[in-house]
Every structure is written in C-alpha cells, then in structure tokens.
Amino acid sequence: MEETGLKLKDVSFQIAVNTINVPAEYHYVTIFLKGEVDVSYKAEPENTEPDKCEGWEWRKWTEIPPPDELFWSLRDARAAGFDPCGSK
C-alpha cells in the first residue's frame, strides 16, 4: 500500500462499489480488499503523500466516523452492509 508504506499479506477481495453522484459530477468505482499487515516489515502506517493526505490512523470498524464524514465509496459500502470485521 504505497500511500501508507505498509506491506500486506493474505489479501482478498471484499466488495466493489459503484458510487455515482450526478449533481456533483462524481463517479468512483472502488474495490475494497482485506489483508493483514505484514509486521515483519513494519506495523504502523506513515503518510507518504503529505501533499494529498492529512494522515493515517488505526480505528475500530465500529468507531469509524458518521457517513457524512466518509469517502463516498466507503459510505456506500457500509450502507450496503459491508463489514470487513464481522462487527455487530
């Protein structure tokens, strides 16, 4: 994951989301994958693109911000029931 400086292992497909907002002229097709951080390389993300990204932090899936604060594709994936952790 070049944006975080992390390496993943055991990567698998989870869901694909086609997010469209015509008034905003917004269209993203996002593929969500799930993987495990390869801690033999490093365990903490770093901001490798500070001009494009405010930063990275670990969060529990149940503690992700409300939908109006999320990347639209993540908001739509959650609305479709996507939960990579099986949390309830």
N, C-alpha and C. Protein backbone atom coordinates (compact mmCIF):
# COMPACT_ATOMS: atom_id res chain seq x y z
N MET A 1 0.85 -1.17 0.00
CA MET A 1 0.00 0.00 0.00
C MET A 1 0.89 1.24 0.00
N GLU A 2 1.11 1.73 -1.18
CA GLU A 2 2.09 2.81 -1.32
C GLU A 2 1.76 4.06 -0.52
N GLU A 3 0.49 4.36 -0.31
CA GLU A 3 0.13 5.58 0.43
C GLU A 3 0.45 5.49 1.91
N THR A 4 0.59 4.28 2.44
CA THR A 4 0.83 4.10 3.87
C THR A 4 2.22 3.58 4.20
N GLY A 5 2.93 3.08 3.21
CA GLY A 5 4.24 2.48 3.45
C GLY A 5 4.15 1.08 4.05
N LEU A 6 2.93 0.53 4.15
CA LEU A 6 2.76 -0.81 4.72
C LEU A 6 2.79 -1.88 3.64
N LYS A 7 3.11 -3.09 4.03
CA LYS A 7 3.01 -4.25 3.15
C LYS A 7 1.93 -5.16 3.73
N LEU A 8 1.11 -5.73 2.84
CA LEU A 8 0.03 -6.61 3.27
C LEU A 8 0.30 -8.04 2.83
N LYS A 9 -0.35 -8.96 3.55
CA LYS A 9 -0.33 -10.37 3.16
C LYS A 9 -1.74 -10.91 3.31
N ASP A 10 -1.99 -12.06 2.73
CA ASP A 10 -3.31 -12.70 2.77
C ASP A 10 -4.41 -11.74 2.31
N VAL A 11 -4.21 -11.11 1.17
CA VAL A 11 -5.15 -10.13 0.62
C VAL A 11 -6.28 -10.87 -0.10
N SER A 12 -7.52 -10.41 0.14
CA SER A 12 -8.67 -11.00 -0.54
C SER A 12 -9.69 -9.92 -0.91
N PHE A 13 -10.42 -10.18 -1.99
CA PHE A 13 -11.48 -9.28 -2.44
C PHE A 13 -12.62 -9.28 -1.43
N GLN A 14 -13.21 -8.10 -1.19
CA GLN A 14 -14.34 -7.99 -0.27
C GLN A 14 -15.61 -7.50 -0.97
N ILE A 15 -15.53 -6.35 -1.64
CA ILE A 15 -16.71 -5.78 -2.30
C ILE A 15 -16.25 -4.73 -3.31
N ALA A 16 -17.04 -4.55 -4.36
CA ALA A 16 -16.82 -3.47 -5.32
C ALA A 16 -18.04 -2.55 -5.23
N VAL A 17 -17.78 -1.25 -5.24
CA VAL A 17 -18.85 -0.25 -5.10
C VAL A 17 -18.78 0.72 -6.26
N ASN A 18 -19.92 0.95 -6.90
CA ASN A 18 -20.03 1.91 -7.98
C ASN A 18 -20.77 3.12 -7.43
N THR A 19 -20.05 4.17 -7.10
CA THR A 19 -20.63 5.35 -6.45
C THR A 19 -20.79 6.47 -7.47
N ILE A 20 -22.02 6.92 -7.64
CA ILE A 20 -22.32 7.97 -8.61
C ILE A 20 -23.12 9.07 -7.92
N ASN A 21 -22.71 10.32 -8.14
CA ASN A 21 -23.47 11.49 -7.71
C ASN A 21 -23.46 12.45 -8.89
N VAL A 22 -24.54 12.44 -9.68
CA VAL A 22 -24.59 13.22 -10.91
C VAL A 22 -24.46 14.72 -10.65
N PRO A 23 -25.21 15.30 -9.68
CA PRO A 23 -25.08 16.75 -9.46
C PRO A 23 -23.65 17.19 -9.12
N ALA A 24 -22.91 16.33 -8.42
CA ALA A 24 -21.53 16.67 -8.04
C ALA A 24 -20.52 16.25 -9.11
N GLU A 25 -21.02 15.64 -10.21
CA GLU A 25 -20.15 15.11 -11.26
C GLU A 25 -19.09 14.18 -10.67
N TYR A 26 -19.55 13.28 -9.82
CA TYR A 26 -18.69 12.37 -9.06
C TYR A 26 -19.00 10.94 -9.46
N HIS A 27 -17.99 10.19 -9.85
CA HIS A 27 -18.16 8.78 -10.16
C HIS A 27 -16.87 8.04 -9.81
N TYR A 28 -16.98 7.12 -8.86
CA TYR A 28 -15.85 6.28 -8.47
C TYR A 28 -16.30 4.82 -8.48
N VAL A 29 -15.48 3.96 -9.03
CA VAL A 29 -15.64 2.52 -8.85
C VAL A 29 -14.51 2.13 -7.90
N THR A 30 -14.88 1.63 -6.73
CA THR A 30 -13.90 1.33 -5.69
C THR A 30 -13.94 -0.16 -5.38
N ILE A 31 -12.78 -0.76 -5.35
CA ILE A 31 -12.65 -2.18 -5.00
C ILE A 31 -12.04 -2.24 -3.61
N PHE A 32 -12.77 -2.84 -2.68
CA PHE A 32 -12.29 -2.98 -1.31
C PHE A 32 -11.66 -4.36 -1.15
N LEU A 33 -10.45 -4.37 -0.61
CA LEU A 33 -9.73 -5.59 -0.32
C LEU A 33 -9.47 -5.67 1.18
N LYS A 34 -9.28 -6.87 1.66
CA LYS A 34 -8.94 -7.06 3.06
C LYS A 34 -7.62 -7.82 3.12
N GLY A 35 -6.75 -7.39 4.01
CA GLY A 35 -5.48 -8.07 4.16
C GLY A 35 -4.95 -7.89 5.57
N GLU A 36 -3.88 -8.59 5.84
CA GLU A 36 -3.22 -8.49 7.14
C GLU A 36 -1.91 -7.74 6.97
N VAL A 37 -1.63 -6.81 7.88
CA VAL A 37 -0.37 -6.08 7.81
C VAL A 37 0.79 -7.02 8.07
N ASP A 38 1.77 -6.98 7.19
CA ASP A 38 2.98 -7.80 7.36
C ASP A 38 3.88 -7.08 8.36
N VAL A 39 3.77 -7.45 9.63
CA VAL A 39 4.52 -6.77 10.68
C VAL A 39 6.02 -7.11 10.66
N SER A 40 6.42 -8.07 9.84
CA SER A 40 7.85 -8.32 9.69
C SER A 40 8.52 -7.17 8.94
N TYR A 41 7.72 -6.37 8.24
CA TYR A 41 8.23 -5.19 7.55
C TYR A 41 8.07 -3.97 8.45
N LYS A 42 6.85 -3.60 8.77
CA LYS A 42 6.55 -2.58 9.77
C LYS A 42 5.07 -2.64 10.07
N ALA A 43 4.67 -2.15 11.25
CA ALA A 43 3.29 -2.30 11.70
C ALA A 43 2.49 -1.00 11.69
N GLU A 44 3.17 0.13 11.63
CA GLU A 44 2.47 1.41 11.71
C GLU A 44 2.52 2.16 10.37
N PRO A 45 1.38 2.72 9.96
CA PRO A 45 1.37 3.46 8.69
C PRO A 45 2.12 4.79 8.80
N GLU A 46 2.62 5.25 7.67
CA GLU A 46 3.22 6.58 7.61
C GLU A 46 2.55 7.33 6.46
N ASN A 47 2.56 8.62 6.52
CA ASN A 47 1.96 9.44 5.49
C ASN A 47 3.01 9.70 4.40
N THR A 48 2.97 8.90 3.34
CA THR A 48 3.97 9.03 2.28
C THR A 48 3.57 10.07 1.24
N GLU A 49 2.37 10.62 1.35
CA GLU A 49 1.90 11.65 0.41
C GLU A 49 1.28 12.81 1.19
N PRO A 50 2.07 13.54 1.98
CA PRO A 50 1.50 14.59 2.83
C PRO A 50 0.83 15.73 2.06
N ASP A 51 1.18 15.89 0.78
CA ASP A 51 0.52 16.93 -0.02
C ASP A 51 -0.87 16.51 -0.48
N LYS A 52 -1.21 15.20 -0.33
CA LYS A 52 -2.51 14.67 -0.77
C LYS A 52 -3.35 14.12 0.38
N CYS A 53 -2.72 13.88 1.53
CA CYS A 53 -3.38 13.15 2.62
C CYS A 53 -3.06 13.81 3.96
N GLU A 54 -4.08 13.94 4.80
CA GLU A 54 -3.87 14.52 6.13
C GLU A 54 -3.15 13.56 7.07
N GLY A 55 -3.29 12.26 6.85
CA GLY A 55 -2.63 11.29 7.70
C GLY A 55 -3.42 10.00 7.80
N TRP A 56 -2.86 9.04 8.54
CA TRP A 56 -3.46 7.72 8.74
C TRP A 56 -3.53 7.43 10.23
N GLU A 57 -4.54 6.70 10.61
CA GLU A 57 -4.65 6.23 11.99
C GLU A 57 -5.48 4.96 12.00
N TRP A 58 -5.21 4.10 12.98
CA TRP A 58 -5.97 2.87 13.14
C TRP A 58 -7.26 3.19 13.88
N ARG A 59 -8.36 2.61 13.42
CA ARG A 59 -9.65 2.76 14.10
C ARG A 59 -10.36 1.42 14.11
N LYS A 60 -11.15 1.20 15.14
CA LYS A 60 -12.02 0.04 15.15
C LYS A 60 -13.13 0.30 14.14
N TRP A 61 -13.58 -0.74 13.46
CA TRP A 61 -14.62 -0.58 12.44
C TRP A 61 -15.88 0.04 13.05
N THR A 62 -16.17 -0.29 14.28
CA THR A 62 -17.37 0.23 14.95
C THR A 62 -17.21 1.69 15.38
N GLU A 63 -16.00 2.24 15.24
CA GLU A 63 -15.74 3.63 15.65
C GLU A 63 -15.39 4.54 14.48
N ILE A 64 -15.72 4.11 13.27
CA ILE A 64 -15.48 4.95 12.08
C ILE A 64 -16.46 6.13 12.13
N PRO A 65 -16.03 7.29 11.64
CA PRO A 65 -16.89 8.48 11.69
C PRO A 65 -18.25 8.27 11.00
N PRO A 66 -19.18 9.18 11.24
CA PRO A 66 -20.51 9.06 10.62
C PRO A 66 -20.42 9.19 9.09
N PRO A 67 -21.45 8.69 8.39
CA PRO A 67 -21.42 8.67 6.93
C PRO A 67 -21.09 10.00 6.25
N ASP A 68 -21.57 11.10 6.79
CA ASP A 68 -21.32 12.39 6.13
C ASP A 68 -19.85 12.82 6.19
N GLU A 69 -19.02 12.12 6.96
CA GLU A 69 -17.60 12.44 7.07
C GLU A 69 -16.71 11.44 6.30
N LEU A 70 -17.33 10.47 5.63
CA LEU A 70 -16.58 9.42 4.96
C LEU A 70 -16.41 9.68 3.47
N PHE A 71 -15.36 9.10 2.89
CA PHE A 71 -15.21 8.99 1.44
C PHE A 71 -16.50 8.34 0.94
N TRP A 72 -17.09 8.89 -0.12
CA TRP A 72 -18.41 8.43 -0.55
C TRP A 72 -18.48 6.93 -0.81
N SER A 73 -17.45 6.36 -1.38
CA SER A 73 -17.49 4.92 -1.66
C SER A 73 -17.51 4.09 -0.38
N LEU A 74 -16.81 4.53 0.66
CA LEU A 74 -16.85 3.84 1.94
C LEU A 74 -18.23 3.98 2.57
N ARG A 75 -18.80 5.15 2.46
CA ARG A 75 -20.17 5.37 2.96
C ARG A 75 -21.14 4.41 2.28
N ASP A 76 -21.04 4.28 0.95
CA ASP A 76 -21.95 3.40 0.21
C ASP A 76 -21.70 1.93 0.53
N ALA A 77 -20.44 1.56 0.73
CA ALA A 77 -20.13 0.17 1.09
C ALA A 77 -20.73 -0.17 2.45
N ARG A 78 -20.60 0.73 3.40
CA ARG A 78 -21.19 0.49 4.73
C ARG A 78 -22.70 0.43 4.65
N ALA A 79 -23.31 1.31 3.84
CA ALA A 79 -24.77 1.30 3.67
C ALA A 79 -25.26 -0.02 3.06
N ALA A 80 -24.40 -0.67 2.26
CA ALA A 80 -24.73 -1.96 1.66
C ALA A 80 -24.48 -3.13 2.61
N GLY A 81 -24.01 -2.82 3.83
CA GLY A 81 -23.79 -3.86 4.83
C GLY A 81 -22.37 -4.36 4.90
N PHE A 82 -21.45 -3.75 4.17
CA PHE A 82 -20.05 -4.19 4.20
C PHE A 82 -19.46 -4.00 5.59
N ASP A 83 -18.87 -5.06 6.10
CA ASP A 83 -18.22 -5.05 7.41
C ASP A 83 -17.07 -6.04 7.37
N PRO A 84 -15.84 -5.57 7.12
CA PRO A 84 -14.72 -6.49 6.98
C PRO A 84 -14.35 -7.23 8.26
N CYS A 85 -14.86 -6.77 9.39
CA CYS A 85 -14.51 -7.38 10.68
C CYS A 85 -15.61 -8.27 11.25
N GLY A 86 -16.77 -8.26 10.63
CA GLY A 86 -17.88 -9.03 11.16
C GLY A 86 -18.41 -8.47 12.47
N SER A 87 -18.20 -7.14 12.70
CA SER A 87 -18.64 -6.49 13.94
C SER A 87 -20.15 -6.30 13.93
N LYS A 88 -20.70 -6.29 15.08
CA LYS A 88 -22.14 -6.01 15.21
C LYS A 88 -22.35 -5.06 16.35
